Amino acid sequence: MKVFSKYIVFSVVFILALSGCKTTKNTFIHRGYHNLTARFNGYYYATESIKEGENKIRTTFKYDYDRLLPVFLVPTNETAKSTFPDFDKAIKKSSNCIQRHTIKDKKGNEIPKAGRWIDNNWNVIGIAHFYKREFFSGIEAFEYVIRTYKSPDRYKAMVWLARSYNEIGAVSQAEPIIGLLKDDKKISKYGKKELPALQADYYLKRGMYKEAEKALLAAIKAKPSKKTKARYSFILAQIYEEKNENKKARDYYQKTISAKPEYDLVFHAKMKQARLVDLKYGNTGKLKRDLLKMTRDVKNSEYLDIIYYTLGEISEREKNEPVAIADYKLSVANSTQNPKQKALSYLKLGEINFEQANYMASGAYYDSTMITLPKDYKEYDAINARKQTLETLVSYIRTIQREDSLQRVAKMNDKDRGRFITKMIKNIEAEEERKKEEQEALAAQNANPTYNASNPNGGITDLGVGAKGDWYFYNPTLVAFGLNDFIKKWGNRKLEDNWRRSQKSVIFDTPVDQAATDTIADGKDSLAIKKKAKAKDKKALSII
């Protein structure tokens, strides 16, 4: 009897499940089945894929700290490709969910009020397209939700629709949507929370910084996540810095640090704070010591160029240009992975030399700047214009120097002119000889079997040490240079005592000891022996 009852229950559930698969019936059971399945089988897994994709964007996003940070993190065309699998999965899940669980009437038209999770899945599809930078496909999905459904999710679609318009630069189309959200008293909790950030993004893209400031303050009050709050605080600090309100800027950089976001954001907030220090009241000595201490921290090894650049800016503000130049040069030397920072350090060196009227040096630094400076840098055109002006100026200076040199030589008498030309020829020959010796030394290094050819650093096989050692003889290039220089100066000398003396026979033919022995044999006084020995010494030294 129990087995028969279980069979009946199983049969009823099976029949209900089969009948529940139909999407043309709008009954309580059908709606319950489709809503349950749409939520936990489609929407849940699709949103999980969206979360995974957004997490990848957050962890790989690279900020440009020379510009205002973005309110929302949107991948570039290059970085978006790494997240395609996650968002494609979300689109597939939600699309299948919509296809299988949308309840329709007998004519095949959707009954919007019947399905509670269909609008959510449409929003997921739109968001996935947004992150894939397929903005127009996303706009179509959001507009469909706004047009078709009257649920709270239409406000979410409105927020994302305005974000899409902001992202493609159509801010004029985002404006009425933001106005509707702002004036709607029935706005959902999601819409109310996201509206201030949406407004801030809109105002920043239009360059309306005063309005953006108010919107960001409201966005912080909306209690976003700690990392998002830190980014909003950093943007506010940048706005205040742009307005020369340095105290407020330092305060909000400190709020960024206090929110404990990722270290990259914390580090740059500290650097920004340091550059805004008040020279009248701030302890710059302690600040510099703290910055130098940071250079010894392993986690700052990739930021050394930025630290030295910051030290240079502080010294420059203190009118200590020699120290500033030294710091900027250290920044250049340590810029191994950040070409933009290297360009900015070169630019500072170029600017200082320009102010000091060292136009030739300034021109060289500007040339180096333009090699690595990105073309989308905010002052690229102005920097390039100065570089071209310096090229013209330097060419004039070189022409003047050449003409001055020729005039000076022309005014010399024949004897002085001859000496001058002879000296110039010797200098040219010496330079050619130096280059020849370098080539020979390098050739000798490559041909010498005592060096470990498999070691790219030129390590010495017998000693088992690398060429990176500080000792002279651990560097084969220096050893080869030294050998050539020795032969050039001394010739081929035999390795023996007193190798530097060219006439050793004069000394050893009449040694002092032998003279003394002969004199004793003759029975002379010991004092006379000493005097004679000293005289012999003087004679020998004079011969040397």
Protein backbone atom coordinates (compact mmCIF):
# COMPACT_ATOMS: atom_id res chain seq x y z
CA MET A 1 0.00 0.00 0.00
CA LYS A 2 2.88 2.40 0.87
CA VAL A 3 4.64 1.56 -2.40
CA PHE A 4 1.42 2.27 -4.33
CA SER A 5 1.06 5.67 -2.56
CA LYS A 6 4.62 6.63 -3.40
CA TYR A 7 3.98 5.63 -7.01
CA ILE A 8 0.91 7.85 -7.17
CA VAL A 9 2.76 10.83 -5.61
CA PHE A 10 5.68 10.37 -8.00
CA SER A 11 3.33 10.17 -10.98
CA VAL A 12 1.50 13.36 -9.94
CA VAL A 13 4.79 15.28 -9.49
CA PHE A 14 6.04 13.97 -12.83
CA ILE A 15 2.85 15.02 -14.63
CA LEU A 16 2.95 18.46 -12.99
CA ALA A 17 6.59 18.85 -14.01
CA LEU A 18 5.75 17.98 -17.60
CA SER A 19 2.79 20.31 -17.64
CA GLY A 20 4.91 23.00 -15.95
CA CYS A 21 7.28 23.08 -18.90
CA LYS A 22 4.59 24.67 -21.02
CA THR A 23 4.97 28.44 -21.35
CA THR A 24 1.50 29.09 -22.80
CA LYS A 25 -0.36 28.57 -19.54
CA ASN A 26 -0.63 31.40 -17.01
CA THR A 27 -1.74 29.52 -13.91
CA PHE A 28 -0.46 29.67 -10.34
CA ILE A 29 1.41 26.36 -10.72
CA HIS A 30 2.92 27.31 -14.09
CA ARG A 31 4.02 30.72 -12.85
CA GLY A 32 5.50 29.20 -9.69
CA TYR A 33 7.45 26.59 -11.66
CA HIS A 34 8.86 29.03 -14.23
CA ASN A 35 9.67 31.72 -11.68
CA LEU A 36 11.45 29.24 -9.43
CA THR A 37 13.47 27.77 -12.31
CA ALA A 38 14.21 31.17 -13.87
CA ARG A 39 15.58 32.44 -10.59
CA PHE A 40 17.70 29.54 -9.35
CA ASN A 41 18.65 27.85 -12.59
CA GLY A 42 19.19 30.82 -14.88
CA TYR A 43 19.48 34.16 -13.11
CA TYR A 44 21.56 32.89 -10.16
CA TYR A 45 24.31 31.29 -12.29
CA ALA A 46 24.29 34.21 -14.75
CA THR A 47 24.84 36.73 -11.94
CA GLU A 48 27.65 34.59 -10.54
CA SER A 49 29.38 34.81 -13.93
CA ILE A 50 28.88 38.59 -13.90
CA LYS A 51 30.49 38.76 -10.44
CA GLU A 52 33.47 36.72 -11.60
CA GLY A 53 33.96 39.00 -14.60
CA GLU A 54 33.67 42.16 -12.47
CA ASN A 55 36.21 40.78 -10.02
CA LYS A 56 38.69 40.20 -12.85
CA ILE A 57 38.16 43.78 -14.00
CA ARG A 58 38.83 45.13 -10.48
CA THR A 59 42.00 43.09 -9.98
CA THR A 60 43.52 43.86 -13.41
CA PHE A 61 42.42 47.48 -13.84
CA LYS A 62 45.33 49.92 -14.23
CA TYR A 63 44.75 53.48 -13.04
CA ASP A 64 46.28 56.49 -14.75
CA TYR A 65 47.12 58.61 -11.72
CA ASP A 66 47.98 61.66 -13.84
CA ARG A 67 44.29 61.91 -14.69
CA LEU A 68 41.10 61.84 -12.67
CA LEU A 69 40.32 58.27 -11.68
CA PRO A 70 37.13 56.81 -13.19
CA VAL A 71 33.99 56.62 -11.07
CA PHE A 72 33.17 53.22 -12.60
CA LEU A 73 35.69 50.60 -13.68
CA VAL A 74 35.16 49.77 -17.34
CA PRO A 75 37.71 47.64 -19.20
CA THR A 76 39.47 48.88 -22.31
CA ASN A 77 39.18 47.15 -25.68
CA GLU A 78 42.38 45.21 -24.92
CA THR A 79 41.67 44.21 -21.31
CA ALA A 80 38.01 43.34 -21.97
CA LYS A 81 38.97 40.25 -23.95
CA SER A 82 40.20 38.41 -20.85
CA THR A 83 36.68 38.59 -19.34
CA PHE A 84 34.75 37.50 -22.44
CA PRO A 85 34.27 33.87 -21.25
CA ASP A 86 32.55 34.99 -18.02
CA PHE A 87 30.21 37.45 -19.70
CA ASP A 88 29.49 35.11 -22.63
CA LYS A 89 28.47 32.48 -20.09
CA ALA A 90 26.15 34.98 -18.40
CA ILE A 91 24.54 35.91 -21.72
CA LYS A 92 24.04 32.24 -22.62
CA LYS A 93 22.50 31.36 -19.23
CA SER A 94 20.12 34.31 -19.22
CA SER A 95 19.17 33.86 -22.88
CA ASN A 96 18.28 30.20 -22.32
CA CYS A 97 16.35 31.18 -19.21
CA ILE A 98 14.31 33.81 -21.10
CA GLN A 99 13.62 31.41 -23.96
CA ARG A 100 12.42 28.56 -21.72
CA HIS A 101 10.60 30.40 -18.96
CA THR A 102 8.90 33.44 -20.49
CA ILE A 103 5.14 32.94 -20.13
CA LYS A 104 3.18 33.92 -23.24
CA ASP A 105 -0.43 34.20 -24.31
CA LYS A 106 -2.04 32.11 -27.05
CA LYS A 107 -0.78 34.55 -29.72
CA GLY A 108 2.81 34.10 -28.54
CA ASN A 109 3.13 37.51 -26.89
CA GLU A 110 4.93 37.80 -23.56
CA ILE A 111 2.87 38.41 -20.43
CA PRO A 112 5.27 40.74 -18.52
CA LYS A 113 3.55 40.45 -15.16
CA ALA A 114 3.60 36.65 -15.23
CA GLY A 115 7.38 36.18 -15.06
CA ARG A 116 9.10 37.77 -12.06
CA TRP A 117 12.71 37.05 -13.11
CA ILE A 118 12.64 37.57 -16.86
CA ASP A 119 13.38 41.31 -16.57
CA ASN A 120 16.32 40.50 -14.29
CA ASN A 121 17.78 38.20 -16.92
CA TRP A 122 17.39 40.90 -19.58
CA ASN A 123 19.35 43.25 -17.32
CA VAL A 124 22.07 40.61 -16.93
CA ILE A 125 22.36 40.35 -20.72
CA GLY A 126 22.63 44.14 -21.00
CA ILE A 127 25.31 44.34 -18.26
CA ALA A 128 27.34 41.55 -19.87
CA HIS A 129 27.28 43.38 -23.22
CA PHE A 130 28.28 46.59 -21.45
CA TYR A 131 31.41 45.02 -19.95
CA LYS A 132 32.25 43.45 -23.30
CA ARG A 133 32.08 47.01 -24.70
CA GLU A 134 29.20 45.98 -26.95
CA PHE A 135 27.38 49.08 -25.78
CA PHE A 136 24.65 49.23 -28.40
CA SER A 137 23.60 45.63 -27.74
CA GLY A 138 23.44 46.49 -24.04
CA ILE A 139 21.41 49.63 -24.76
CA GLU A 140 18.85 47.54 -26.66
CA ALA A 141 18.45 45.18 -23.69
CA PHE A 142 18.05 48.03 -21.17
CA GLU A 143 15.58 49.88 -23.35
CA TYR A 144 13.51 46.70 -23.72
CA VAL A 145 13.31 46.32 -19.92
CA ILE A 146 12.31 49.98 -19.44
CA ARG A 147 9.70 49.75 -22.17
CA THR A 148 8.21 46.38 -21.25
CA TYR A 149 8.30 45.98 -17.47
CA LYS A 150 6.95 48.06 -14.58
CA SER A 151 8.92 46.25 -11.87
CA PRO A 152 11.67 47.85 -9.71
CA ASP A 153 14.24 46.37 -12.09
CA ARG A 154 13.37 48.99 -14.68
CA TYR A 155 15.23 51.50 -12.46
CA LYS A 156 18.32 49.29 -12.64
CA ALA A 157 17.96 49.26 -16.42
CA MET A 158 17.71 53.08 -16.40
CA VAL A 159 20.93 53.38 -14.36
CA TRP A 160 22.83 51.10 -16.74
CA LEU A 161 21.33 52.77 -19.79
CA ALA A 162 22.62 56.17 -18.57
CA ARG A 163 26.03 54.60 -17.84
CA SER A 164 26.12 53.23 -21.39
CA TYR A 165 25.39 56.64 -22.87
CA ASN A 166 28.07 58.23 -20.67
CA GLU A 167 30.59 55.62 -21.77
CA ILE A 168 30.03 56.16 -25.51
CA GLY A 169 30.20 59.93 -25.04
CA ALA A 170 26.49 60.59 -25.58
CA VAL A 171 26.10 62.48 -22.29
CA SER A 172 23.23 64.55 -23.68
CA GLN A 173 21.18 61.35 -23.94
CA ALA A 174 22.10 60.34 -20.39
CA GLU A 175 20.92 63.67 -18.96
CA PRO A 176 17.11 63.11 -19.26
CA ILE A 177 17.42 59.61 -17.80
CA ILE A 178 19.29 60.98 -14.78
CA GLY A 179 16.61 63.67 -14.45
CA LEU A 180 13.84 61.04 -14.41
CA LEU A 181 15.64 59.01 -11.76
CA LYS A 182 16.23 62.10 -9.66
CA ASP A 183 12.58 63.21 -9.77
CA ASP A 184 10.97 59.77 -9.36
CA LYS A 185 9.71 59.34 -5.78
CA LYS A 186 9.14 55.63 -6.29
CA ILE A 187 12.75 54.93 -7.28
CA SER A 188 14.06 51.55 -6.10
CA LYS A 189 16.71 51.14 -3.41
CA TYR A 190 19.24 50.13 -6.06
CA GLY A 191 18.50 53.23 -8.15
CA LYS A 192 18.65 55.53 -5.12
CA LYS A 193 22.01 54.13 -4.05
CA GLU A 194 23.61 54.24 -7.52
CA LEU A 195 22.23 57.63 -8.60
CA PRO A 196 24.91 59.85 -6.90
CA ALA A 197 27.78 57.89 -8.50
CA LEU A 198 25.97 58.01 -11.86
CA GLN A 199 25.62 61.79 -11.52
CA ALA A 200 29.31 62.14 -10.58
CA ASP A 201 30.31 60.17 -13.67
CA TYR A 202 28.07 62.37 -15.83
CA TYR A 203 29.42 65.64 -14.37
CA LEU A 204 33.06 64.58 -14.63
CA LYS A 205 32.65 63.64 -18.28
CA ARG A 206 31.23 67.12 -18.87
CA GLY A 207 33.99 68.83 -16.86
CA MET A 208 31.53 70.13 -14.24
CA TYR A 209 33.80 69.57 -11.24
CA LYS A 210 31.81 71.56 -8.69
CA GLU A 211 28.68 69.47 -9.32
CA ALA A 212 30.79 66.28 -9.43
CA GLU A 213 32.21 67.14 -6.00
CA LYS A 214 28.71 67.27 -4.46
CA ALA A 215 27.68 64.06 -6.19
CA LEU A 216 30.79 62.20 -4.96
CA LEU A 217 30.17 63.33 -1.39
CA ALA A 218 26.62 61.96 -1.69
CA ALA A 219 27.99 58.73 -3.22
CA ILE A 220 30.29 58.24 -0.21
CA LYS A 221 27.32 58.75 2.15
CA ALA A 222 25.46 55.99 0.26
CA LYS A 223 27.85 53.52 1.96
CA PRO A 224 29.53 51.75 -0.95
CA SER A 225 32.19 49.06 -0.41
CA LYS A 226 35.49 50.12 1.19
CA LYS A 227 37.42 49.87 -2.08
CA THR A 228 34.81 51.91 -3.94
CA LYS A 229 34.75 54.48 -1.14
CA ALA A 230 38.55 54.75 -1.34
CA ARG A 231 38.36 55.43 -5.09
CA TYR A 232 35.68 58.11 -4.61
CA SER A 233 37.84 59.77 -1.91
CA PHE A 234 40.85 59.73 -4.23
CA ILE A 235 38.83 61.40 -7.02
CA LEU A 236 37.63 64.07 -4.58
CA ALA A 237 41.25 64.68 -3.53
CA GLN A 238 42.24 65.05 -7.19
CA ILE A 239 39.43 67.59 -7.74
CA TYR A 240 40.55 69.63 -4.71
CA GLU A 241 44.16 69.44 -5.89
CA GLU A 242 43.06 70.77 -9.29
CA LYS A 243 41.36 73.67 -7.50
CA ASN A 244 44.54 74.32 -5.40
CA GLU A 245 42.65 73.47 -2.19
CA ASN A 246 45.64 71.50 -0.95
CA LYS A 247 44.49 70.98 2.64
CA LYS A 248 41.23 69.34 1.54
CA ALA A 249 43.15 67.32 -1.02
CA ARG A 250 45.57 66.00 1.64
CA ASP A 251 42.61 65.13 3.91
CA TYR A 252 40.88 63.07 1.25
CA TYR A 253 44.11 61.34 0.23
CA GLN A 254 44.37 60.36 3.89
CA LYS A 255 40.79 59.03 3.79
CA THR A 256 41.80 56.92 0.80
CA ILE A 257 44.69 55.45 2.81
CA SER A 258 42.45 54.88 5.85
CA ALA A 259 39.96 52.87 3.75
CA LYS A 260 42.78 50.30 3.18
CA PRO A 261 42.22 49.58 -0.52
CA GLU A 262 44.76 47.79 -2.75
CA TYR A 263 48.38 48.85 -2.13
CA ASP A 264 48.77 50.57 -5.51
CA LEU A 265 46.08 53.11 -4.59
CA VAL A 266 47.50 53.56 -1.07
CA PHE A 267 51.01 54.16 -2.43
CA HIS A 268 49.93 56.82 -4.91
CA ALA A 269 47.79 58.53 -2.28
CA LYS A 270 50.92 58.79 -0.08
CA MET A 271 52.95 60.21 -2.97
CA LYS A 272 50.24 62.76 -3.75
CA GLN A 273 50.14 63.77 -0.09
CA ALA A 274 53.92 64.21 -0.01
CA ARG A 275 53.89 66.48 -3.07
CA LEU A 276 51.24 68.69 -1.47
CA VAL A 277 53.12 69.18 1.81
CA ASP A 278 53.06 72.73 3.13
CA LEU A 279 56.69 73.92 3.08
CA LYS A 280 56.01 76.56 5.75
CA TYR A 281 54.52 74.23 8.35
CA GLY A 282 55.33 70.73 7.15
CA ASN A 283 58.40 68.83 8.37
CA THR A 284 60.01 68.19 4.98
CA GLY A 285 63.10 66.69 6.60
CA LYS A 286 61.08 63.89 8.19
CA LEU A 287 59.04 63.49 5.02
CA LYS A 288 62.19 62.98 2.94
CA ARG A 289 63.54 60.46 5.46
CA ASP A 290 60.26 58.55 5.30
CA LEU A 291 60.38 58.52 1.50
CA LEU A 292 63.99 57.30 1.49
CA LYS A 293 62.99 54.62 3.98
CA MET A 294 60.33 53.49 1.52
CA THR A 295 63.03 52.91 -1.11
CA ARG A 296 64.46 50.17 1.13
CA ASP A 297 61.14 48.32 1.37
CA VAL A 298 60.93 45.33 -0.98
CA LYS A 299 57.29 45.94 -1.86
CA ASN A 300 58.25 49.35 -3.26
CA SER A 301 60.90 48.02 -5.64
CA GLU A 302 58.70 48.69 -8.68
CA TYR A 303 57.84 52.17 -7.40
CA LEU A 304 61.38 53.54 -6.90
CA ASP A 305 61.11 55.86 -9.90
CA ILE A 306 57.96 57.45 -8.46
CA ILE A 307 59.51 57.86 -4.99
CA TYR A 308 62.61 59.61 -6.39
CA TYR A 309 60.38 61.74 -8.62
CA THR A 310 58.42 62.82 -5.53
CA LEU A 311 61.66 63.63 -3.70
CA GLY A 312 62.70 65.69 -6.72
CA GLU A 313 59.47 67.66 -6.70
CA ILE A 314 59.86 68.45 -2.98
CA SER A 315 63.46 69.63 -3.51
CA GLU A 316 62.37 71.68 -6.51
CA ARG A 317 59.68 73.39 -4.42
CA GLU A 318 62.39 74.13 -1.86
CA LYS A 319 64.41 75.84 -4.65
CA ASN A 320 67.14 73.23 -4.20
CA GLU A 321 67.63 72.53 -7.91
CA PRO A 322 70.93 70.55 -7.71
CA VAL A 323 69.32 68.00 -5.36
CA ALA A 324 66.14 67.98 -7.46
CA ILE A 325 68.19 67.21 -10.60
CA ALA A 326 69.96 64.36 -8.79
CA ASP A 327 66.61 62.90 -7.65
CA TYR A 328 65.10 63.14 -11.14
CA LYS A 329 68.15 61.37 -12.57
CA LEU A 330 67.70 58.60 -10.00
CA SER A 331 64.07 58.38 -11.06
CA VAL A 332 65.13 57.92 -14.68
CA ALA A 333 67.68 55.28 -13.69
CA ASN A 334 65.04 53.29 -11.77
CA SER A 335 62.26 53.56 -14.40
CA THR A 336 62.47 50.04 -15.79
CA GLN A 337 58.78 49.14 -16.09
CA ASN A 338 57.10 52.54 -16.28
CA PRO A 339 57.98 54.40 -19.51
CA LYS A 340 55.52 57.19 -18.77
CA GLN A 341 57.19 57.95 -15.44
CA LYS A 342 60.58 57.95 -17.15
CA ALA A 343 59.24 60.48 -19.66
CA LEU A 344 57.94 62.71 -16.86
CA SER A 345 61.32 62.59 -15.09
CA TYR A 346 63.09 63.52 -18.34
CA LEU A 347 60.57 66.33 -18.76
CA LYS A 348 61.41 67.75 -15.32
CA LEU A 349 65.12 67.68 -16.16
CA GLY A 350 64.37 69.41 -19.45
CA GLU A 351 62.29 72.11 -17.73
CA ILE A 352 64.93 72.85 -15.08
CA ASN A 353 67.71 73.13 -17.68
CA PHE A 354 65.48 75.32 -19.81
CA GLU A 355 64.93 77.70 -16.88
CA GLN A 356 68.70 77.73 -16.32
CA ALA A 357 69.24 78.59 -20.01
CA ASN A 358 71.10 75.30 -20.58
CA TYR A 359 69.33 74.93 -23.89
CA MET A 360 71.46 72.15 -25.37
CA ALA A 361 71.00 69.93 -22.30
CA SER A 362 67.31 70.86 -22.16
CA GLY A 363 66.86 69.92 -25.81
CA ALA A 364 68.44 66.51 -25.20
CA TYR A 365 66.10 65.85 -22.26
CA TYR A 366 63.06 66.92 -24.27
CA ASP A 367 64.12 64.53 -27.03
CA SER A 368 64.23 61.69 -24.49
CA THR A 369 60.84 62.78 -23.13
CA MET A 370 59.11 62.54 -26.50
CA ILE A 371 60.47 59.04 -27.12
CA THR A 372 58.55 57.50 -24.21
CA LEU A 373 55.74 60.00 -23.51
CA PRO A 374 52.30 58.59 -24.50
CA LYS A 375 50.56 60.58 -27.22
CA ASP A 376 47.38 60.80 -25.15
CA TYR A 377 49.18 62.68 -22.35
CA LYS A 378 47.23 65.83 -21.50
CA GLU A 379 50.06 68.26 -22.37
CA TYR A 380 51.61 66.27 -25.21
CA ASP A 381 51.17 68.96 -27.88
CA ALA A 382 52.63 71.75 -25.72
CA ILE A 383 55.66 69.59 -24.80
CA ASN A 384 56.21 68.60 -28.42
CA ALA A 385 56.02 72.28 -29.48
CA ARG A 386 58.74 73.24 -26.99
CA LYS A 387 60.86 70.30 -28.14
CA GLN A 388 60.70 71.53 -31.73
CA THR A 389 61.52 75.09 -30.64
CA LEU A 390 64.56 73.80 -28.74
CA GLU A 391 65.73 71.85 -31.80
CA THR A 392 65.76 75.07 -33.80
CA LEU A 393 67.46 77.00 -30.99
CA VAL A 394 70.12 74.30 -30.46
CA SER A 395 70.91 74.24 -34.18
CA TYR A 396 71.51 78.03 -34.02
CA ILE A 397 73.71 77.64 -30.93
CA ARG A 398 75.82 74.98 -32.63
CA THR A 399 76.19 77.16 -35.71
CA ILE A 400 77.34 80.08 -33.54
CA GLN A 401 79.80 77.86 -31.63
CA ARG A 402 81.23 76.50 -34.88
CA GLU A 403 81.58 79.99 -36.35
CA ASP A 404 83.19 81.28 -33.13
CA SER A 405 85.68 78.40 -33.21
CA LEU A 406 86.54 79.05 -36.85
CA GLN A 407 86.94 82.78 -36.19
CA ARG A 408 89.22 82.06 -33.24
CA VAL A 409 91.38 79.72 -35.31
CA ALA A 410 91.52 82.24 -38.17
CA LYS A 411 92.83 84.95 -35.83
CA MET A 412 95.68 82.76 -34.58
CA ASN A 413 99.23 83.17 -35.91
CA ASP A 414 100.70 80.34 -37.96
CA LYS A 415 102.57 78.83 -35.02
CA ASP A 416 99.56 78.76 -32.64
CA ARG A 417 97.28 77.54 -35.42
CA GLY A 418 99.69 74.71 -36.17
CA ARG A 419 99.81 73.68 -32.50
CA PHE A 420 95.99 73.85 -32.29
CA ILE A 421 95.51 71.68 -35.38
CA THR A 422 98.17 69.22 -34.21
CA LYS A 423 96.44 68.92 -30.82
CA MET A 424 93.09 68.39 -32.51
CA ILE A 425 94.54 65.64 -34.71
CA LYS A 426 96.07 63.95 -31.65
CA ASN A 427 92.73 64.06 -29.85
CA ILE A 428 90.99 62.51 -32.83
CA GLU A 429 93.67 59.81 -33.10
CA ALA A 430 93.46 59.12 -29.36
CA GLU A 431 89.68 58.72 -29.60
CA GLU A 432 90.06 56.37 -32.55
CA GLU A 433 92.70 54.40 -30.64
CA ARG A 434 90.42 54.18 -27.61
CA LYS A 435 87.58 52.79 -29.72
CA LYS A 436 89.97 50.33 -31.34
CA GLU A 437 91.17 49.13 -27.93
CA GLU A 438 87.59 48.66 -26.78
CA GLN A 439 86.86 46.50 -29.81
CA GLU A 440 90.06 44.48 -29.27
CA ALA A 441 89.24 44.03 -25.59
CA LEU A 442 85.77 42.80 -26.39
CA ALA A 443 87.17 40.45 -29.03
CA ALA A 444 89.74 39.14 -26.55
CA GLN A 445 87.04 38.60 -23.98
CA ASN A 446 84.96 36.53 -26.40
CA ALA A 447 87.99 34.51 -27.55
CA ASN A 448 89.53 33.89 -24.09
CA PRO A 449 88.77 30.30 -22.99
CA THR A 450 89.39 31.09 -19.30
CA TYR A 451 86.06 32.91 -19.17
CA ASN A 452 82.80 31.04 -18.90
CA ALA A 453 81.16 31.59 -22.28
CA SER A 454 77.85 30.25 -21.03
CA ASN A 455 77.64 32.98 -18.43
CA PRO A 456 76.06 36.12 -19.96
CA ASN A 457 77.49 38.18 -17.15
CA GLY A 458 81.03 37.21 -18.02
CA GLY A 459 81.66 35.09 -14.95
CA ILE A 460 85.17 33.62 -14.39
CA THR A 461 85.10 29.85 -14.54
CA ASP A 462 88.13 29.23 -12.37
CA LEU A 463 87.01 31.51 -9.58
CA GLY A 464 83.36 30.56 -9.82
CA VAL A 465 82.19 34.12 -9.39
CA GLY A 466 80.10 36.44 -11.56
CA ALA A 467 81.10 39.64 -13.26
CA LYS A 468 78.72 41.55 -11.04
CA GLY A 469 81.26 41.53 -8.22
CA ASP A 470 82.77 44.81 -7.12
CA TRP A 471 86.41 43.66 -7.45
CA TYR A 472 88.26 44.85 -10.57
CA PHE A 473 89.55 41.38 -11.56
CA TYR A 474 86.01 39.93 -11.58
CA ASN A 475 85.20 42.10 -14.61
CA PRO A 476 86.86 40.63 -17.75
CA THR A 477 86.26 43.76 -19.80
CA LEU A 478 88.13 45.93 -17.31
CA VAL A 479 90.94 43.36 -17.13
CA ALA A 480 91.31 43.40 -20.93
CA PHE A 481 91.31 47.21 -20.98
CA GLY A 482 93.97 47.23 -18.26
CA LEU A 483 96.16 44.74 -20.12
CA ASN A 484 96.11 46.81 -23.31
CA ASP A 485 96.81 49.99 -21.38
CA PHE A 486 99.78 48.35 -19.59
CA ILE A 487 101.35 47.15 -22.86
CA LYS A 488 100.85 50.57 -24.42
CA LYS A 489 102.60 52.31 -21.49
CA TRP A 490 105.31 49.81 -20.45
CA GLY A 491 105.70 47.41 -23.37
CA ASN A 492 106.25 43.65 -22.91
CA ARG A 493 107.96 43.43 -19.48
CA LYS A 494 109.17 40.20 -17.90
CA LEU A 495 107.48 39.38 -14.61
CA GLU A 496 110.35 39.82 -12.11
CA ASP A 497 111.53 42.05 -9.28
CA ASN A 498 112.11 45.70 -10.13
CA TRP A 499 110.30 45.24 -13.47
CA ARG A 500 109.84 49.01 -13.84
CA ARG A 501 113.65 49.71 -13.94
CA SER A 502 114.96 49.85 -17.48
CA GLN A 503 118.76 49.62 -16.47
CA LYS A 504 118.89 47.09 -13.65
CA SER A 505 122.52 45.99 -14.55
CA VAL A 506 124.03 49.28 -13.30
CA ILE A 507 122.68 48.59 -9.86
CA PHE A 508 123.50 44.92 -9.55
CA ASP A 509 127.03 45.13 -11.07
CA THR A 510 128.29 47.17 -8.06
CA PRO A 511 126.10 46.33 -5.13
CA VAL A 512 126.54 48.21 -1.88
CA ASP A 513 127.20 45.01 0.08
CA GLN A 514 130.06 43.94 -2.26
CA ALA A 515 131.72 47.35 -2.04
CA ALA A 516 131.60 47.20 1.72
CA THR A 517 133.19 43.72 1.75
CA ASP A 518 136.05 44.79 -0.52
CA THR A 519 136.76 47.81 1.68
CA ILE A 520 136.88 45.73 4.86
CA ALA A 521 139.33 43.41 3.17
CA ASP A 522 141.58 46.42 2.59
CA GLY A 523 141.50 47.19 6.31
CA LYS A 524 139.76 50.59 6.09
CA ASP A 525 137.69 52.18 8.80
CA SER A 526 134.00 51.18 9.08
CA LEU A 527 132.89 54.84 8.92
CA ALA A 528 134.54 55.20 5.54
CA ILE A 529 132.72 52.07 4.43
CA LYS A 530 129.35 53.64 5.26
CA LYS A 531 130.17 56.90 3.48
CA LYS A 532 131.23 55.01 0.38
CA ALA A 533 128.09 52.89 0.45
CA LYS A 534 125.87 56.00 0.62
CA ALA A 535 127.72 57.53 -2.30
CA LYS A 536 127.18 54.36 -4.31
CA ASP A 537 123.45 54.48 -3.47
CA LYS A 538 123.15 58.06 -4.70
CA LYS A 539 124.93 57.18 -7.92
CA ALA A 540 122.64 54.21 -8.52
CA LEU A 541 119.51 56.26 -7.89
CA SER A 542 120.72 58.98 -10.26
CA ILE A 543 121.10 56.35 -12.99
CA ILE A 544 117.53 55.18 -12.44
